[in-house]
């Protein structure tokens, strides 16, 4: 618990938290305290190591903790590890089809054991995946035919369930941004400011998306340009700080924010360099979805510069990435852009 507190606001002691995480793991192993594994692993791999170690390295650790929890009868923390593993998998860009199956199984286990928060969170994430895949299906239906994400959000707001409200806002914002619906993304961003943040990969990615939304809105040169540019600049500052701890997890995100910020400031040589760097880093570090996003953003930049040939090339690259990810709703959007360029 102390290590997780150290890496969180306001302390932000990443090195100290990581050190305490190692101490907790080593002490657990030395004492043979196997009954503590689900709880220790949830904190270490779900909240602490995500700042310094490749997110992909945490996946199997959570599965081990899940199996251990089942053996020890610690069902709540077993399923919490399973949920955390799938959240990190989503933020790593794992294939959406497999993740859909994973979240369905996780939701069923949580529902069977009356773990309401874990069940609800699993269903919310499953709904995001279905929407990205272009599948028109209500993820809540197998459990309660009258519940939708909208009614779930309304109920959570009424009961002041901040965790659920925050999660729905982050996932709605994520979906709207990836689908290019920036009006909705802006509205959900404003709504999300009512809810505090946490220290998980889902929140770190949300800050990255916030920065991209803000920079896009700043480029519209509306009356709130200064406000949105400031939000984008702060997100850029966060990524610069976080990259010092993990180049693997944050370099592609930093480069894409830098590219968009340079675009805003009309520093075109820097923008082009950063778009290429973001694409390369995402590919090298196996973030296929963010590789696709960087390709799409670069294509949009080239389209703005009237380089239709280059834009077409990078839209096609983005389409390949989204196809590998399984995000067919995004592929359909890219197809429209490609078709327009081929006319």
C-alpha atoms as a PDB file:
ATOM      1  CA  UNK A   1       0.000   0.000   0.000  1.00  0.00           C
ATOM      2  CA  UNK A   2       2.822   2.405   0.863  1.00  0.00           C
ATOM      3  CA  UNK A   3       4.496   1.899  -2.521  1.00  0.00           C
ATOM      4  CA  UNK A   4       1.228   2.576  -4.354  1.00  0.00           C
ATOM      5  CA  UNK A   5       0.759   5.724  -2.276  1.00  0.00           C
ATOM      6  CA  UNK A   6       4.278   6.908  -3.129  1.00  0.00           C
ATOM      7  CA  UNK A   7       3.728   6.774  -6.900  1.00  0.00           C
ATOM      8  CA  UNK A   8       0.389   8.606  -6.651  1.00  0.00           C
ATOM      9  CA  UNK A   9      -0.413  12.312  -6.364  1.00  0.00           C
ATOM     10  CA  UNK A  10       0.778  14.383  -4.569  1.00  0.00           C
ATOM     11  CA  UNK A  11       4.013  12.508  -3.730  1.00  0.00           C
ATOM     12  CA  UNK A  12       4.786  11.109  -7.233  1.00  0.00           C
ATOM     13  CA  UNK A  13       7.874   9.330  -5.892  1.00  0.00           C
ATOM     14  CA  UNK A  14       8.174   6.774  -8.703  1.00  0.00           C
ATOM     15  CA  UNK A  15      11.602   5.476  -7.712  1.00  0.00           C
ATOM     16  CA  UNK A  16      10.638   5.167  -4.063  1.00  0.00           C
ATOM     17  CA  UNK A  17       7.378   3.417  -4.899  1.00  0.00           C
ATOM     18  CA  UNK A  18       9.111   1.006  -7.271  1.00  0.00           C
ATOM     19  CA  UNK A  19      11.680   0.245  -4.592  1.00  0.00           C
ATOM     20  CA  UNK A  20       8.966  -0.486  -2.030  1.00  0.00           C
ATOM     21  CA  UNK A  21       7.209  -2.714  -4.559  1.00  0.00           C
ATOM     22  CA  UNK A  22      10.364  -4.798  -4.938  1.00  0.00           C
ATOM     23  CA  UNK A  23      10.747  -4.999  -1.158  1.00  0.00           C
ATOM     24  CA  UNK A  24       7.153  -6.202  -0.768  1.00  0.00           C
ATOM     25  CA  UNK A  25       7.574  -8.864  -3.473  1.00  0.00           C
ATOM     26  CA  UNK A  26      10.913 -10.094  -2.118  1.00  0.00           C
ATOM     27  CA  UNK A  27       9.598 -10.186   1.445  1.00  0.00           C
ATOM     28  CA  UNK A  28       6.514 -12.146   0.386  1.00  0.00           C
ATOM     29  CA  UNK A  29       8.665 -14.708  -1.440  1.00  0.00           C
ATOM     30  CA  UNK A  30      11.222 -14.961   1.363  1.00  0.00           C
ATOM     31  CA  UNK A  31       8.556 -15.582   3.996  1.00  0.00           C
ATOM     32  CA  UNK A  32       6.633 -17.953   1.757  1.00  0.00           C
ATOM     33  CA  UNK A  33       3.515 -15.848   2.300  1.00  0.00           C
ATOM     34  CA  UNK A  34       1.752 -17.220  -0.767  1.00  0.00           C
ATOM     35  CA  UNK A  35      -1.651 -16.231   0.582  1.00  0.00           C
ATOM     36  CA  UNK A  36      -0.596 -12.596   0.099  1.00  0.00           C
ATOM     37  CA  UNK A  37       0.325 -12.966  -3.559  1.00  0.00           C
ATOM     38  CA  UNK A  38      -3.008 -11.765  -5.053  1.00  0.00           C
ATOM     39  CA  UNK A  39      -2.966  -8.607  -2.920  1.00  0.00           C
ATOM     40  CA  UNK A  40       0.707  -7.797  -3.356  1.00  0.00           C
ATOM     41  CA  UNK A  41       0.648  -8.435  -7.105  1.00  0.00           C
ATOM     42  CA  UNK A  42      -2.437  -6.294  -7.620  1.00  0.00           C
ATOM     43  CA  UNK A  43      -0.678  -3.280  -6.121  1.00  0.00           C
ATOM     44  CA  UNK A  44       2.809  -3.928  -7.493  1.00  0.00           C
ATOM     45  CA  UNK A  45       1.862  -4.801 -11.091  1.00  0.00           C
ATOM     46  CA  UNK A  46      -1.374  -2.832 -11.333  1.00  0.00           C
ATOM     47  CA  UNK A  47      -0.333   0.455  -9.718  1.00  0.00           C
ATOM     48  CA  UNK A  48       3.459   0.640  -9.208  1.00  0.00           C
ATOM     49  CA  UNK A  49       5.440  -1.144 -11.921  1.00  0.00           C
ATOM     50  CA  UNK A  50       3.366   0.409 -14.700  1.00  0.00           C
ATOM     51  CA  UNK A  51       5.458   3.536 -14.225  1.00  0.00           C
ATOM     52  CA  UNK A  52       8.809   1.865 -14.929  1.00  0.00           C
ATOM     53  CA  UNK A  53       8.419  -1.541 -16.555  1.00  0.00           C
ATOM     54  CA  UNK A  54       6.860  -2.446 -19.935  1.00  0.00           C
ATOM     55  CA  UNK A  55       3.136  -2.808 -19.458  1.00  0.00           C
ATOM     56  CA  UNK A  56       3.220  -6.101 -21.356  1.00  0.00           C
ATOM     57  CA  UNK A  57       5.496  -7.519 -18.621  1.00  0.00           C
ATOM     58  CA  UNK A  58       2.696  -7.141 -16.055  1.00  0.00           C
ATOM     59  CA  UNK A  59       0.176  -9.328 -17.877  1.00  0.00           C
ATOM     60  CA  UNK A  60       1.417 -12.783 -16.881  1.00  0.00           C
ATOM     61  CA  UNK A  61       2.096 -11.623 -13.304  1.00  0.00           C
ATOM     62  CA  UNK A  62      -1.574 -10.776 -12.889  1.00  0.00           C
ATOM     63  CA  UNK A  63      -2.595 -14.165 -14.298  1.00  0.00           C
ATOM     64  CA  UNK A  64      -0.273 -15.924 -11.828  1.00  0.00           C
ATOM     65  CA  UNK A  65      -1.844 -13.911  -9.009  1.00  0.00           C
ATOM     66  CA  UNK A  66      -5.307 -14.815 -10.278  1.00  0.00           C
ATOM     67  CA  UNK A  67      -4.512 -18.544 -10.199  1.00  0.00           C
ATOM     68  CA  UNK A  68      -2.932 -18.168  -6.766  1.00  0.00           C
ATOM     69  CA  UNK A  69      -5.976 -16.353  -5.446  1.00  0.00           C
ATOM     70  CA  UNK A  70      -8.290 -19.109  -6.661  1.00  0.00           C
ATOM     71  CA  UNK A  71      -6.144 -21.730  -4.941  1.00  0.00           C
ATOM     72  CA  UNK A  72      -6.035 -19.739  -1.700  1.00  0.00           C
ATOM     73  CA  UNK A  73      -9.736 -18.910  -1.740  1.00  0.00           C
ATOM     74  CA  UNK A  74      -9.103 -15.169  -2.087  1.00  0.00           C
ATOM     75  CA  UNK A  75     -11.719 -14.795  -4.803  1.00  0.00           C
ATOM     76  CA  UNK A  76     -12.082 -11.010  -4.654  1.00  0.00           C
ATOM     77  CA  UNK A  77      -8.386 -10.303  -5.225  1.00  0.00           C
ATOM     78  CA  UNK A  78      -8.097 -13.143  -7.723  1.00  0.00           C
ATOM     79  CA  UNK A  79     -10.754 -11.532  -9.925  1.00  0.00           C
ATOM     80  CA  UNK A  80      -9.307  -8.066  -9.290  1.00  0.00           C
ATOM     81  CA  UNK A  81      -6.010  -9.303 -10.746  1.00  0.00           C
ATOM     82  CA  UNK A  82      -7.840 -10.775 -13.727  1.00  0.00           C
ATOM     83  CA  UNK A  83      -9.576  -7.448 -14.321  1.00  0.00           C
ATOM     84  CA  UNK A  84      -6.320  -5.487 -13.975  1.00  0.00           C
ATOM     85  CA  UNK A  85      -4.627  -7.838 -16.440  1.00  0.00           C
ATOM     86  CA  UNK A  86      -7.314  -7.194 -19.054  1.00  0.00           C
ATOM     87  CA  UNK A  87      -7.242  -3.416 -18.484  1.00  0.00           C
ATOM     88  CA  UNK A  88      -3.505  -3.379 -19.122  1.00  0.00           C
ATOM     89  CA  UNK A  89      -4.038  -5.669 -22.118  1.00  0.00           C
ATOM     90  CA  UNK A  90      -6.478  -3.159 -23.583  1.00  0.00           C
ATOM     91  CA  UNK A  91      -4.028  -0.308 -23.064  1.00  0.00           C
ATOM     92  CA  UNK A  92      -1.277  -2.417 -24.670  1.00  0.00           C
ATOM     93  CA  UNK A  93      -3.365  -2.876 -27.803  1.00  0.00           C
ATOM     94  CA  UNK A  94      -4.162  -6.579 -27.456  1.00  0.00           C
ATOM     95  CA  UNK A  95      -6.499  -7.972 -30.100  1.00  0.00           C
ATOM     96  CA  UNK A  96     -10.004  -6.732 -29.331  1.00  0.00           C
ATOM     97  CA  UNK A  97     -11.700 -10.014 -30.232  1.00  0.00           C
ATOM     98  CA  UNK A  98      -9.740 -11.912 -27.565  1.00  0.00           C
ATOM     99  CA  UNK A  99     -10.163  -9.089 -25.052  1.00  0.00           C
ATOM    100  CA  UNK A 100     -13.916  -9.186 -25.608  1.00  0.00           C
ATOM    101  CA  UNK A 101     -13.944 -12.841 -24.563  1.00  0.00           C
ATOM    102  CA  UNK A 102     -11.668 -12.091 -21.599  1.00  0.00           C
ATOM    103  CA  UNK A 103     -13.887  -9.307 -20.254  1.00  0.00           C
ATOM    104  CA  UNK A 104     -17.038 -11.420 -20.684  1.00  0.00           C
ATOM    105  CA  UNK A 105     -15.442 -14.192 -18.607  1.00  0.00           C
ATOM    106  CA  UNK A 106     -14.210 -11.696 -15.994  1.00  0.00           C
ATOM    107  CA  UNK A 107     -17.646 -10.062 -15.729  1.00  0.00           C
ATOM    108  CA  UNK A 108     -19.347 -13.461 -15.288  1.00  0.00           C
ATOM    109  CA  UNK A 109     -16.965 -14.461 -12.487  1.00  0.00           C
ATOM    110  CA  UNK A 110     -17.432 -11.127 -10.723  1.00  0.00           C
ATOM    111  CA  UNK A 111     -21.224 -11.339 -11.119  1.00  0.00           C
ATOM    112  CA  UNK A 112     -21.319 -14.891  -9.736  1.00  0.00           C
ATOM    113  CA  UNK A 113     -19.419 -13.796  -6.616  1.00  0.00           C
ATOM    114  CA  UNK A 114     -21.420 -10.586  -6.171  1.00  0.00           C
ATOM    115  CA  UNK A 115     -18.368  -8.369  -6.739  1.00  0.00           C
ATOM    116  CA  UNK A 116     -20.450  -5.516  -8.055  1.00  0.00           C
ATOM    117  CA  UNK A 117     -17.720  -2.967  -8.764  1.00  0.00           C
ATOM    118  CA  UNK A 118     -15.554  -5.457 -10.659  1.00  0.00           C
ATOM    119  CA  UNK A 119     -18.565  -6.771 -12.573  1.00  0.00           C
ATOM    120  CA  UNK A 120     -19.751  -3.309 -13.565  1.00  0.00           C
ATOM    121  CA  UNK A 121     -16.240  -2.170 -14.547  1.00  0.00           C
ATOM    122  CA  UNK A 122     -15.721  -5.269 -16.683  1.00  0.00           C
ATOM    123  CA  UNK A 123     -18.999  -4.687 -18.518  1.00  0.00           C
ATOM    124  CA  UNK A 124     -18.165  -1.007 -19.144  1.00  0.00           C
ATOM    125  CA  UNK A 125     -14.847  -1.973 -20.699  1.00  0.00           C
ATOM    126  CA  UNK A 126     -16.503  -4.732 -22.698  1.00  0.00           C
ATOM    127  CA  UNK A 127     -18.935  -2.151 -24.074  1.00  0.00           C
ATOM    128  CA  UNK A 128     -16.002  -0.021 -25.238  1.00  0.00           C
ATOM    129  CA  UNK A 129     -14.494  -3.024 -27.005  1.00  0.00           C
ATOM    130  CA  UNK A 130     -17.779  -3.880 -28.721  1.00  0.00           C
ATOM    131  CA  UNK A 131     -18.105  -0.275 -29.909  1.00  0.00           C
ATOM    132  CA  UNK A 132     -14.538  -0.254 -31.262  1.00  0.00           C
ATOM    133  CA  UNK A 133     -15.245  -3.519 -33.053  1.00  0.00           C
ATOM    134  CA  UNK A 134     -18.382  -2.029 -34.603  1.00  0.00           C
ATOM    135  CA  UNK A 135     -20.684  -4.528 -32.882  1.00  0.00           C
ATOM    136  CA  UNK A 136     -24.080  -3.089 -31.962  1.00  0.00           C
ATOM    137  CA  UNK A 137     -24.687  -4.917 -28.723  1.00  0.00           C
ATOM    138  CA  UNK A 138     -25.490  -3.878 -25.162  1.00  0.00           C
ATOM    139  CA  UNK A 139     -22.876  -5.471 -22.897  1.00  0.00           C
ATOM    140  CA  UNK A 140     -25.212  -5.185 -19.880  1.00  0.00           C
ATOM    141  CA  UNK A 141     -27.995  -7.296 -21.422  1.00  0.00           C
ATOM    142  CA  UNK A 142     -26.834 -10.744 -20.153  1.00  0.00           C
ATOM    143  CA  UNK A 143     -27.092  -9.469 -16.571  1.00  0.00           C
ATOM    144  CA  UNK A 144     -29.964  -7.001 -16.600  1.00  0.00           C
ATOM    145  CA  UNK A 145     -32.029  -6.450 -19.707  1.00  0.00           C
ATOM    146  CA  UNK A 146     -33.090  -2.967 -18.623  1.00  0.00           C
ATOM    147  CA  UNK A 147     -29.632  -1.518 -17.967  1.00  0.00           C
ATOM    148  CA  UNK A 148     -27.501   0.371 -20.473  1.00  0.00           C
ATOM    149  CA  UNK A 149     -24.289   2.305 -20.050  1.00  0.00           C
ATOM    150  CA  UNK A 150     -26.373   5.489 -19.988  1.00  0.00           C
ATOM    151  CA  UNK A 151     -28.634   4.277 -17.155  1.00  0.00           C
ATOM    152  CA  UNK A 152     -25.579   2.896 -15.340  1.00  0.00           C
ATOM    153  CA  UNK A 153     -23.949   6.327 -15.518  1.00  0.00           C
ATOM    154  CA  UNK A 154     -27.102   8.087 -14.323  1.00  0.00           C
ATOM    155  CA  UNK A 155     -27.382   5.686 -11.382  1.00  0.00           C
ATOM    156  CA  UNK A 156     -23.708   6.125 -10.506  1.00  0.00           C
ATOM    157  CA  UNK A 157     -24.047   9.920 -10.556  1.00  0.00           C
ATOM    158  CA  UNK A 158     -27.086   9.746  -8.294  1.00  0.00           C
ATOM    159  CA  UNK A 159     -25.294   7.495  -5.788  1.00  0.00           C
ATOM    160  CA  UNK A 160     -22.033   9.484  -6.093  1.00  0.00           C
ATOM    161  CA  UNK A 161     -20.121   6.410  -7.306  1.00  0.00           C
ATOM    162  CA  UNK A 162     -17.077   8.366  -8.516  1.00  0.00           C
ATOM    163  CA  UNK A 163     -15.124   5.303  -9.709  1.00  0.00           C
ATOM    164  CA  UNK A 164     -17.866   4.188 -12.109  1.00  0.00           C
ATOM    165  CA  UNK A 165     -18.547   7.744 -13.341  1.00  0.00           C
ATOM    166  CA  UNK A 166     -14.839   8.264 -13.968  1.00  0.00           C
ATOM    167  CA  UNK A 167     -14.487   4.982 -15.835  1.00  0.00           C
ATOM    168  CA  UNK A 168     -17.484   5.619 -18.090  1.00  0.00           C
ATOM    169  CA  UNK A 169     -16.251   9.134 -18.878  1.00  0.00           C
ATOM    170  CA  UNK A 170     -12.762   7.906 -19.724  1.00  0.00           C
ATOM    171  CA  UNK A 171     -14.065   5.126 -21.952  1.00  0.00           C
ATOM    172  CA  UNK A 172     -16.600   7.368 -23.722  1.00  0.00           C
ATOM    173  CA  UNK A 173     -13.901   9.973 -24.311  1.00  0.00           C
ATOM    174  CA  UNK A 174     -11.519   7.312 -25.614  1.00  0.00           C
ATOM    175  CA  UNK A 175     -14.104   5.955 -28.048  1.00  0.00           C
ATOM    176  CA  UNK A 176     -15.207   9.384 -29.274  1.00  0.00           C
ATOM    177  CA  UNK A 177     -11.625  10.456 -29.896  1.00  0.00           C
ATOM    178  CA  UNK A 178     -10.630   7.317 -31.784  1.00  0.00           C
ATOM    179  CA  UNK A 179     -13.791   7.543 -33.899  1.00  0.00           C
ATOM    180  CA  UNK A 180     -13.068  11.181 -34.716  1.00  0.00           C
ATOM    181  CA  UNK A 181     -16.138  12.540 -32.896  1.00  0.00           C
ATOM    182  CA  UNK A 182     -14.323  15.480 -31.296  1.00  0.00           C
ATOM    183  CA  UNK A 183     -17.520  17.312 -30.296  1.00  0.00           C
ATOM    184  CA  UNK A 184     -18.496  14.389 -28.081  1.00  0.00           C
ATOM    185  CA  UNK A 185     -14.904  14.007 -26.873  1.00  0.00           C
ATOM    186  CA  UNK A 186     -14.894  17.662 -25.818  1.00  0.00           C
ATOM    187  CA  UNK A 187     -18.224  17.352 -23.996  1.00  0.00           C
ATOM    188  CA  UNK A 188     -17.132  14.191 -22.155  1.00  0.00           C
ATOM    189  CA  UNK A 189     -13.786  15.778 -21.263  1.00  0.00           C
ATOM    190  CA  UNK A 190     -15.612  18.669 -19.594  1.00  0.00           C
ATOM    191  CA  UNK A 191     -17.898  16.246 -17.764  1.00  0.00           C
ATOM    192  CA  UNK A 192     -14.958  14.098 -16.618  1.00  0.00           C
ATOM    193  CA  UNK A 193     -13.412  17.014 -14.727  1.00  0.00           C
ATOM    194  CA  UNK A 194     -15.941  16.368 -11.964  1.00  0.00           C
ATOM    195  CA  UNK A 195     -14.196  13.114 -11.079  1.00  0.00           C
ATOM    196  CA  UNK A 196     -10.760  12.597  -9.547  1.00  0.00           C
ATOM    197  CA  UNK A 197      -8.100  10.485 -11.241  1.00  0.00           C
ATOM    198  CA  UNK A 198      -6.401   7.285 -10.101  1.00  0.00           C
ATOM    199  CA  UNK A 199      -3.001   5.719 -10.753  1.00  0.00           C
ATOM    200  CA  UNK A 200      -3.511   2.973 -13.333  1.00  0.00           C
ATOM    201  CA  UNK A 201      -2.645   2.523 -17.005  1.00  0.00           C
ATOM    202  CA  UNK A 202      -6.224   3.487 -17.874  1.00  0.00           C
ATOM    203  CA  UNK A 203      -5.674   6.925 -16.292  1.00  0.00           C
ATOM    204  CA  UNK A 204      -2.249   7.448 -17.827  1.00  0.00           C
ATOM    205  CA  UNK A 205      -3.721   6.732 -21.263  1.00  0.00           C
ATOM    206  CA  UNK A 206      -6.635   9.045 -20.476  1.00  0.00           C
ATOM    207  CA  UNK A 207      -4.242  11.957 -19.873  1.00  0.00           C
ATOM    208  CA  UNK A 208      -2.576  11.176 -23.209  1.00  0.00           C
ATOM    209  CA  UNK A 209      -5.976  11.257 -24.944  1.00  0.00           C
ATOM    210  CA  UNK A 210      -6.908  14.461 -23.093  1.00  0.00           C
ATOM    211  CA  UNK A 211      -3.797  16.109 -24.502  1.00  0.00           C
ATOM    212  CA  UNK A 212      -4.607  15.041 -28.055  1.00  0.00           C
ATOM    213  CA  UNK A 213      -8.217  16.213 -27.753  1.00  0.00           C
ATOM    214  CA  UNK A 214      -7.079  19.561 -26.364  1.00  0.00           C
ATOM    215  CA  UNK A 215      -4.489  20.139 -29.086  1.00  0.00           C
ATOM    216  CA  UNK A 216      -7.017  19.306 -31.796  1.00  0.00           C
ATOM    217  CA  UNK A 217      -9.473  21.804 -30.317  1.00  0.00           C
ATOM    218  CA  UNK A 218      -6.723  24.423 -30.002  1.00  0.00           C
ATOM    219  CA  UNK A 219      -6.021  24.031 -33.733  1.00  0.00           C
ATOM    220  CA  UNK A 220      -9.589  25.155 -34.464  1.00  0.00           C
ATOM    221  CA  UNK A 221      -8.456  28.612 -33.246  1.00  0.00           C
ATOM    222  CA  UNK A 222     -11.696  29.230 -31.395  1.00  0.00           C
ATOM    223  CA  UNK A 223     -12.146  31.589 -28.448  1.00  0.00           C
ATOM    224  CA  UNK A 224     -10.914  28.869 -26.042  1.00  0.00           C
ATOM    225  CA  UNK A 225      -7.679  28.242 -27.943  1.00  0.00           C
ATOM    226  CA  UNK A 226      -5.484  29.349 -25.042  1.00  0.00           C
ATOM    227  CA  UNK A 227      -7.334  27.050 -22.634  1.00  0.00           C
ATOM    228  CA  UNK A 228      -7.027  23.987 -24.865  1.00  0.00           C
ATOM    229  CA  UNK A 229      -3.393  24.711 -25.768  1.00  0.00           C
ATOM    230  CA  UNK A 230      -2.628  24.879 -22.046  1.00  0.00           C
ATOM    231  CA  UNK A 231      -4.251  21.505 -21.388  1.00  0.00           C
ATOM    232  CA  UNK A 232      -2.314  19.988 -24.283  1.00  0.00           C
ATOM    233  CA  UNK A 233       0.934  21.513 -23.055  1.00  0.00           C
ATOM    234  CA  UNK A 234       0.402  20.129 -19.537  1.00  0.00           C
ATOM    235  CA  UNK A 235      -0.256  16.646 -20.940  1.00  0.00           C
ATOM    236  CA  UNK A 236       2.951  17.008 -22.944  1.00  0.00           C
ATOM    237  CA  UNK A 237       4.787  17.945 -19.745  1.00  0.00           C
ATOM    238  CA  UNK A 238       3.424  14.873 -17.970  1.00  0.00           C
ATOM    239  CA  UNK A 239       4.619  12.595 -20.775  1.00  0.00           C
ATOM    240  CA  UNK A 240       8.082  14.172 -20.723  1.00  0.00           C
ATOM    241  CA  UNK A 241       8.307  13.496 -16.997  1.00  0.00           C
ATOM    242  CA  UNK A 242       6.971   9.938 -17.273  1.00  0.00           C
ATOM    243  CA  UNK A 243       9.243   9.064 -20.170  1.00  0.00           C
ATOM    244  CA  UNK A 244      12.222   9.484 -17.829  1.00  0.00           C
ATOM    245  CA  UNK A 245      10.942   6.450 -15.932  1.00  0.00           C
ATOM    246  CA  UNK A 246       9.881   4.331 -18.910  1.00  0.00           C
ATOM    247  CA  UNK A 247      10.844   5.078 -22.482  1.00  0.00           C
ATOM    248  CA  UNK A 248       9.034   1.872 -23.488  1.00  0.00           C
ATOM    249  CA  UNK A 249       5.600   2.925 -22.234  1.00  0.00           C
ATOM    250  CA  UNK A 250       5.630   6.642 -22.901  1.00  0.00           C
ATOM    251  CA  UNK A 251       7.938   7.594 -25.776  1.00  0.00           C
ATOM    252  CA  UNK A 252       5.428   7.032 -28.579  1.00  0.00           C
ATOM    253  CA  UNK A 253       2.789   8.982 -26.650  1.00  0.00           C
ATOM    254  CA  UNK A 254       5.213  11.838 -26.000  1.00  0.00           C
ATOM    255  CA  UNK A 255       6.244  12.024 -29.657  1.00  0.00           C
ATOM    256  CA  UNK A 256       2.631  12.139 -30.850  1.00  0.00           C
ATOM    257  CA  UNK A 257       1.754  14.925 -28.424  1.00  0.00           C
ATOM    258  CA  UNK A 258       4.890  16.780 -29.530  1.00  0.00           C
ATOM    259  CA  UNK A 259       3.916  16.330 -33.177  1.00  0.00           C
ATOM    260  CA  UNK A 260       0.447  17.772 -32.601  1.00  0.00           C
ATOM    261  CA  UNK A 261       1.827  20.624 -30.486  1.00  0.00           C
ATOM    262  CA  UNK A 262       4.399  21.433 -33.194  1.00  0.00           C
ATOM    263  CA  UNK A 263       1.584  21.352 -35.768  1.00  0.00           C
ATOM    264  CA  UNK A 264      -0.312  23.871 -33.634  1.00  0.00           C
ATOM    265  CA  UNK A 265       2.765  26.104 -33.386  1.00  0.00           C
ATOM    266  CA  UNK A 266       3.498  25.729 -37.127  1.00  0.00           C
ATOM    267  CA  UNK A 267       6.897  24.112 -36.467  1.00  0.00           C
ATOM    268  CA  UNK A 268       6.477  21.762 -39.426  1.00  0.00           C
ATOM    269  CA  UNK A 269       9.952  20.142 -39.518  1.00  0.00           C
ATOM    270  CA  UNK A 270       9.583  19.196 -35.848  1.00  0.00           C
ATOM    271  CA  UNK A 271       6.025  17.956 -36.392  1.00  0.00           C
ATOM    272  CA  UNK A 272       7.073  15.657 -39.244  1.00  0.00           C
ATOM    273  CA  UNK A 273      10.006  14.289 -37.239  1.00  0.00           C
ATOM    274  CA  UNK A 274       7.786  13.580 -34.215  1.00  0.00           C
ATOM    275  CA  UNK A 275       5.034  11.880 -36.238  1.00  0.00           C
ATOM    276  CA  UNK A 276       7.624   9.493 -37.691  1.00  0.00           C
ATOM    277  CA  UNK A 277       9.193   8.952 -34.257  1.00  0.00           C
ATOM    278  CA  UNK A 278       5.828   8.163 -32.669  1.00  0.00           C
ATOM    279  CA  UNK A 279       4.997   5.615 -35.374  1.00  0.00           C
ATOM    280  CA  UNK A 280       8.396   3.936 -35.024  1.00  0.00           C
ATOM    281  CA  UNK A 281       8.309   3.863 -31.212  1.00  0.00           C
ATOM    282  CA  UNK A 282       4.767   2.458 -31.085  1.00  0.00           C
ATOM    283  CA  UNK A 283       5.755  -0.284 -33.545  1.00  0.00           C
ATOM    284  CA  UNK A 284       8.949  -1.180 -31.658  1.00  0.00           C
ATOM    285  CA  UNK A 285       7.140  -1.307 -28.313  1.00  0.00           C
ATOM    286  CA  UNK A 286       4.141  -3.258 -29.627  1.00  0.00           C
ATOM    287  CA  UNK A 287       1.384  -0.673 -29.165  1.00  0.00           C
ATOM    288  CA  UNK A 288      -0.385  -1.522 -32.424  1.00  0.00           C
ATOM    289  CA  UNK A 289      -3.418   0.668 -31.690  1.00  0.00           C
ATOM    290  CA  UNK A 290      -1.282   3.732 -30.969  1.00  0.00           C
ATOM    291  CA  UNK A 291       0.807   3.037 -34.053  1.00  0.00           C
ATOM    292  CA  UNK A 292      -2.440   3.221 -36.010  1.00  0.00           C
ATOM    293  CA  UNK A 293      -3.396   6.433 -34.228  1.00  0.00           C
ATOM    294  CA  UNK A 294      -0.036   8.052 -35.039  1.00  0.00           C
ATOM    295  CA  UNK A 295      -0.357   6.972 -38.674  1.00  0.00           C
ATOM    296  CA  UNK A 296      -3.857   8.447 -38.834  1.00  0.00           C
ATOM    297  CA  UNK A 297      -2.786  11.716 -37.223  1.00  0.00           C
ATOM    298  CA  UNK A 298       0.175  12.013 -39.595  1.00  0.00           C
ATOM    299  CA  UNK A 299      -2.131  11.362 -42.539  1.00  0.00           C
ATOM    300  CA  UNK A 300      -4.452  14.139 -41.344  1.00  0.00           C
ATOM    301  CA  UNK A 301      -1.477  16.473 -41.026  1.00  0.00           C
ATOM    302  CA  UNK A 302      -0.326  15.666 -44.572  1.00  0.00           C
ATOM    303  CA  UNK A 303      -3.867  16.166 -45.837  1.00  0.00           C
ATOM    304  CA  UNK A 304      -3.856  19.616 -44.232  1.00  0.00           C
ATOM    305  CA  UNK A 305      -0.570  20.310 -46.075  1.00  0.00           C
ATOM    306  CA  UNK A 306      -2.232  19.200 -49.341  1.00  0.00           C
ATOM    307  CA  UNK A 307       0.064  16.178 -49.649  1.00  0.00           C
ATOM    308  CA  UNK A 308      -2.666  13.785 -50.756  1.00  0.00           C
ATOM    309  CA  UNK A 309      -0.266  11.055 -51.864  1.00  0.00           C
ATOM    310  CA  UNK A 310       1.458  10.964 -48.488  1.00  0.00           C
ATOM    311  CA  UNK A 311      -1.872  11.186 -46.665  1.00  0.00           C
ATOM    312  CA  UNK A 312      -3.231   8.201 -48.593  1.00  0.00           C
ATOM    313  CA  UNK A 313      -0.146   6.134 -47.739  1.00  0.00           C
ATOM    314  CA  UNK A 314      -0.457   6.804 -44.018  1.00  0.00           C
ATOM    315  CA  UNK A 315      -4.227   6.332 -43.925  1.00  0.00           C
ATOM    316  CA  UNK A 316      -3.613   2.898 -45.476  1.00  0.00           C
ATOM    317  CA  UNK A 317      -0.978   2.182 -42.811  1.00  0.00           C
ATOM    318  CA  UNK A 318      -3.433   3.223 -40.094  1.00  0.00           C
ATOM    319  CA  UNK A 319      -6.063   0.918 -41.564  1.00  0.00           C
ATOM    320  CA  UNK A 320      -3.672  -2.057 -41.376  1.00  0.00           C
ATOM    321  CA  UNK A 321      -2.948  -1.333 -37.716  1.00  0.00           C
ATOM    322  CA  UNK A 322      -6.624  -1.000 -36.804  1.00  0.00           C
ATOM    323  CA  UNK A 323      -7.394  -4.218 -38.677  1.00  0.00           C
ATOM    324  CA  UNK A 324      -4.742  -6.063 -36.650  1.00  0.00           C
ATOM    325  CA  UNK A 325      -6.206  -4.574 -33.483  1.00  0.00           C
ATOM    326  CA  UNK A 326      -9.691  -5.692 -34.525  1.00  0.00           C
ATOM    327  CA  UNK A 327     -11.187  -2.176 -34.406  1.00  0.00           C
ATOM    328  CA  UNK A 328     -13.509  -2.524 -37.384  1.00  0.00           C
ATOM    329  CA  UNK A 329     -15.444   0.657 -36.516  1.00  0.00           C
ATOM    330  CA  UNK A 330     -12.208   2.609 -36.935  1.00  0.00           C
ATOM    331  CA  UNK A 331     -11.387   0.761 -40.159  1.00  0.00           C
ATOM    332  CA  UNK A 332     -14.715   1.937 -41.583  1.00  0.00           C
ATOM    333  CA  UNK A 333     -13.837   5.552 -40.743  1.00  0.00           C
ATOM    334  CA  UNK A 334     -10.420   5.212 -42.381  1.00  0.00           C
ATOM    335  CA  UNK A 335     -12.012   3.638 -45.463  1.00  0.00           C
ATOM    336  CA  UNK A 336     -14.091   6.805 -45.914  1.00  0.00           C
ATOM    337  CA  UNK A 337     -10.948   8.952 -45.853  1.00  0.00           C
ATOM    338  CA  UNK A 338      -9.183   6.622 -48.275  1.00  0.00           C
ATOM    339  CA  UNK A 339     -12.152   6.611 -50.662  1.00  0.00           C
ATOM    340  CA  UNK A 340     -12.280  10.405 -50.649  1.00  0.00           C
ATOM    341  CA  UNK A 341      -8.596  10.596 -51.586  1.00  0.00           C
ATOM    342  CA  UNK A 342      -8.988   8.091 -54.421  1.00  0.00           C
ATOM    343  CA  UNK A 343     -11.740  10.087 -56.159  1.00  0.00           C
END
